């Protein structure tokens, strides 16, 4: 009996291996925290890049009075470069792919309907289709008629990227997206022609 009690007492005061046990208990929590921080940081970084790409596409398009497929392709190439160091294509590191679209919109002063004049990109809008998701406060209203002012055009850029953290491949993902509306900067003409157009369309 005395020997058994002695062994129990020794076991209670024995501290050998305590650090290893504590480390084994804490390690999973540390790894979850580490990979979680990496995933959140990457998501924030990519989301910021998506916003910058959208603003850049809209800004570049609105600066001139005429664009064509070559210029639009160059704008999209700039967008893909801005996403560096993340891959614009589908990949296991960050998800993807990067989807870019540029459209020009026209606000009909008679019907107050906003329609697509031209659209290029990965997910182009249908020409002539109404744009129901445009913020109404962007349109200037004639106080006398309470209808939109004439000659109102907007450049719309839409950018989307599906972020998938590398530590959860095929399990978790989130769609990051941004839209930007910019008025054409040229005053004559008041729109951005898509070559070979020579006048501002109003359909």
Protein backbone atom coordinates (compact mmCIF):
# COMPACT_ATOMS: atom_id res chain seq x y z
CA UNK A 1 0.00 0.00 0.00
CA UNK A 2 2.81 2.40 0.92
CA UNK A 3 4.55 1.66 -2.40
CA UNK A 4 1.39 2.37 -4.35
CA UNK A 5 0.89 5.71 -2.58
CA UNK A 6 4.52 6.61 -3.22
CA UNK A 7 4.14 6.02 -6.94
CA UNK A 8 0.97 8.11 -7.06
CA UNK A 9 2.76 10.94 -5.29
CA UNK A 10 5.64 10.74 -7.72
CA UNK A 11 3.22 10.87 -10.64
CA UNK A 12 1.56 14.02 -9.30
CA UNK A 13 4.84 15.90 -9.00
CA UNK A 14 6.39 14.56 -12.20
CA UNK A 15 6.60 17.38 -14.76
CA UNK A 16 8.45 15.53 -17.51
CA UNK A 17 6.78 15.88 -20.91
CA UNK A 18 4.45 18.66 -19.72
CA UNK A 19 5.74 21.13 -22.31
CA UNK A 20 5.28 18.59 -25.10
CA UNK A 21 1.69 17.93 -24.05
CA UNK A 22 0.89 21.65 -23.86
CA UNK A 23 2.49 22.22 -27.28
CA UNK A 24 0.45 19.40 -28.80
CA UNK A 25 -2.73 20.98 -27.44
CA UNK A 26 -1.88 24.51 -28.63
CA UNK A 27 -0.40 23.61 -32.03
CA UNK A 28 -3.74 23.08 -33.85
CA UNK A 29 -5.02 26.45 -32.61
CA UNK A 30 -1.80 28.15 -33.69
CA UNK A 31 -1.98 26.61 -37.16
CA UNK A 32 -5.65 27.58 -37.60
CA UNK A 33 -4.84 31.14 -36.54
CA UNK A 34 -1.82 31.35 -38.83
CA UNK A 35 -3.56 30.04 -41.95
CA UNK A 36 -6.65 32.08 -41.13
CA UNK A 37 -4.59 35.28 -41.01
CA UNK A 38 -2.89 34.37 -44.29
CA UNK A 39 -6.25 33.72 -45.96
CA UNK A 40 -7.87 36.93 -44.67
CA UNK A 41 -4.82 39.02 -45.64
CA UNK A 42 -4.82 37.58 -49.17
CA UNK A 43 -8.55 38.19 -49.53
CA UNK A 44 -8.18 41.83 -48.46
CA UNK A 45 -5.23 42.31 -50.82
CA UNK A 46 -7.03 40.80 -53.82
CA UNK A 47 -10.24 42.70 -53.05
CA UNK A 48 -8.28 45.95 -53.04
CA UNK A 49 -6.69 45.06 -56.37
CA UNK A 50 -10.11 44.27 -57.85
CA UNK A 51 -11.29 47.75 -56.82
CA UNK A 52 -8.21 49.42 -58.33
CA UNK A 53 -8.55 47.45 -61.57
CA UNK A 54 -12.19 48.47 -61.95
CA UNK A 55 -11.39 52.14 -61.41
CA UNK A 56 -8.42 52.00 -63.77
CA UNK A 57 -10.41 50.39 -66.60
CA UNK A 58 -13.16 52.97 -66.33
CA UNK A 59 -10.70 55.84 -66.07
CA UNK A 60 -8.58 54.77 -69.06
CA UNK A 61 -11.64 54.28 -71.28
CA UNK A 62 -13.24 57.59 -70.34
CA UNK A 63 -10.10 59.63 -71.12
CA UNK A 64 -10.35 59.35 -74.91
CA UNK A 65 -13.07 59.93 -77.47
CA UNK A 66 -12.63 56.66 -79.37
CA UNK A 67 -11.61 53.10 -78.55
CA UNK A 68 -11.34 49.85 -80.48
CA UNK A 69 -10.70 46.18 -79.74
CA UNK A 70 -6.94 46.74 -79.57
CA UNK A 71 -7.21 49.47 -76.94
CA UNK A 72 -9.71 47.49 -74.91
CA UNK A 73 -7.40 44.45 -75.03
CA UNK A 74 -4.53 46.63 -73.77
CA UNK A 75 -6.70 47.91 -70.91
CA UNK A 76 -7.52 44.34 -69.92
CA UNK A 77 -3.81 43.42 -70.07
CA UNK A 78 -3.11 46.28 -67.65
CA UNK A 79 -5.79 44.91 -65.34
CA UNK A 80 -4.24 41.45 -65.34
CA UNK A 81 -0.83 42.96 -64.61
CA UNK A 82 -2.26 44.95 -61.69
CA UNK A 83 -3.37 41.70 -60.06
CA UNK A 84 0.28 40.62 -59.62
CA UNK A 85 1.51 38.64 -57.67
CA UNK A 86 -1.80 36.78 -57.90
CA UNK A 87 -2.62 34.83 -61.04
CA UNK A 88 -5.41 36.18 -63.26
CA UNK A 89 -6.27 32.67 -64.43
CA UNK A 90 -7.79 29.81 -62.47
CA UNK A 91 -5.19 28.50 -60.02
CA UNK A 92 -4.87 26.64 -56.72
CA UNK A 93 -3.07 29.50 -54.97
CA UNK A 94 -5.78 32.17 -55.01
CA UNK A 95 -8.72 30.90 -57.05
CA UNK A 96 -9.58 33.00 -60.10
CA UNK A 97 -10.18 33.69 -62.87
CA UNK A 98 -10.18 37.48 -63.27
CA UNK A 99 -13.25 38.65 -65.23
CA UNK A 100 -13.16 42.15 -66.78
CA UNK A 101 -15.87 43.98 -68.74
CA UNK A 102 -16.13 47.54 -70.09
CA UNK A 103 -19.41 49.01 -71.34
CA UNK A 104 -20.75 52.39 -72.40
CA UNK A 105 -24.22 53.41 -71.24
CA UNK A 106 -26.62 56.06 -72.54
CA UNK A 107 -29.41 57.67 -70.52
CA UNK A 108 -32.46 58.36 -72.69
CA UNK A 109 -33.82 61.79 -71.64
CA UNK A 110 -37.31 60.93 -72.90
CA UNK A 111 -37.83 57.56 -71.24
CA UNK A 112 -35.22 57.88 -68.43
CA UNK A 113 -34.04 54.37 -69.34
CA UNK A 114 -30.32 53.63 -69.33
CA UNK A 115 -29.20 51.26 -72.09
CA UNK A 116 -25.96 49.61 -73.19
CA UNK A 117 -24.37 51.17 -76.30
CA UNK A 118 -21.39 48.82 -76.58
CA UNK A 119 -19.77 46.26 -74.33
CA UNK A 120 -16.52 44.27 -74.46
CA UNK A 121 -14.86 41.83 -72.10
CA UNK A 122 -15.20 38.46 -70.43
CA UNK A 123 -18.88 38.96 -69.57
CA UNK A 124 -20.18 41.59 -72.03
CA UNK A 125 -23.65 43.03 -71.61
CA UNK A 126 -26.16 42.79 -74.43
CA UNK A 127 -26.21 45.90 -76.63
CA UNK A 128 -29.48 47.77 -76.18
CA UNK A 129 -30.34 46.05 -72.92
CA UNK A 130 -31.54 48.25 -70.04
CA UNK A 131 -29.29 48.77 -67.04
CA UNK A 132 -31.48 48.43 -63.97
CA UNK A 133 -28.73 48.37 -61.37
CA UNK A 134 -27.28 51.82 -62.12
CA UNK A 135 -27.35 54.18 -59.10
CA UNK A 136 -30.04 56.81 -59.86
CA UNK A 137 -28.13 59.61 -58.12
CA UNK A 138 -25.51 59.55 -60.91
CA UNK A 139 -28.00 60.87 -63.48
CA UNK A 140 -28.44 64.63 -63.76
CA UNK A 141 -32.10 65.64 -63.74
CA UNK A 142 -33.63 68.64 -65.50
CA UNK A 143 -35.51 70.51 -62.75
CA UNK A 144 -38.03 71.89 -65.20
CA UNK A 145 -39.09 68.56 -66.72
CA UNK A 146 -37.93 66.23 -63.95
CA UNK A 147 -36.39 64.08 -66.66
CA UNK A 148 -32.73 63.25 -67.28
CA UNK A 149 -30.59 65.91 -68.93
CA UNK A 150 -29.70 65.09 -72.58
CA UNK A 151 -26.34 63.71 -73.73
CA UNK A 152 -25.55 61.68 -70.65
CA UNK A 153 -23.14 58.79 -71.20
CA UNK A 154 -21.29 56.65 -68.69
CA UNK A 155 -18.39 54.22 -68.89
CA UNK A 156 -19.11 51.17 -66.76
CA UNK A 157 -16.33 48.81 -65.74
CA UNK A 158 -17.09 45.53 -63.98
CA UNK A 159 -14.40 43.34 -62.42
CA UNK A 160 -14.89 40.03 -60.66
CA UNK A 161 -12.51 37.52 -59.10
CA UNK A 162 -13.36 34.30 -57.28
CA UNK A 163 -11.04 34.06 -54.30
CA UNK A 164 -10.37 30.57 -52.98
CA UNK A 165 -7.84 30.24 -50.13
CA UNK A 166 -5.06 27.78 -50.87
CA UNK A 167 -5.47 26.03 -47.51
CA UNK A 168 -9.09 25.12 -48.35
CA UNK A 169 -8.93 24.04 -52.01
CA UNK A 170 -12.36 23.27 -53.41
CA UNK A 171 -14.01 23.85 -50.03
CA UNK A 172 -14.35 27.62 -49.55
CA UNK A 173 -14.50 30.53 -51.99
CA UNK A 174 -15.92 34.04 -52.21
CA UNK A 175 -16.70 36.23 -55.21
CA UNK A 176 -14.96 39.60 -55.05
CA UNK A 177 -16.43 42.17 -57.40
CA UNK A 178 -16.41 45.90 -58.10
CA UNK A 179 -18.23 48.22 -60.51
CA UNK A 180 -17.22 51.76 -61.45
CA UNK A 181 -19.15 54.43 -63.36
CA UNK A 182 -17.24 57.28 -65.00
CA UNK A 183 -18.46 60.08 -67.28
CA UNK A 184 -16.51 60.49 -70.54
CA UNK A 185 -14.04 63.35 -70.17
CA UNK A 186 -14.29 64.60 -73.72
CA UNK A 187 -16.84 67.35 -74.34
CA UNK A 188 -16.88 66.94 -78.14
CA UNK A 189 -18.07 64.30 -78.63
CA UNK A 190 -19.84 63.66 -75.34
CA UNK A 191 -19.46 59.89 -75.63
CA UNK A 192 -16.63 57.43 -76.24
CA UNK A 193 -17.00 56.06 -79.76
CA UNK A 194 -16.28 52.43 -80.34
CA UNK A 195 -14.53 52.30 -83.72
CA UNK A 196 -15.71 52.56 -86.46
CA UNK A 197 -18.54 54.70 -85.00
CA UNK A 198 -18.23 58.41 -85.80
CA UNK A 199 -21.19 59.75 -83.85
CA UNK A 200 -22.57 59.25 -80.36
CA UNK A 201 -25.31 56.60 -80.51
CA UNK A 202 -28.60 57.36 -78.78
CA UNK A 203 -30.55 54.14 -79.23
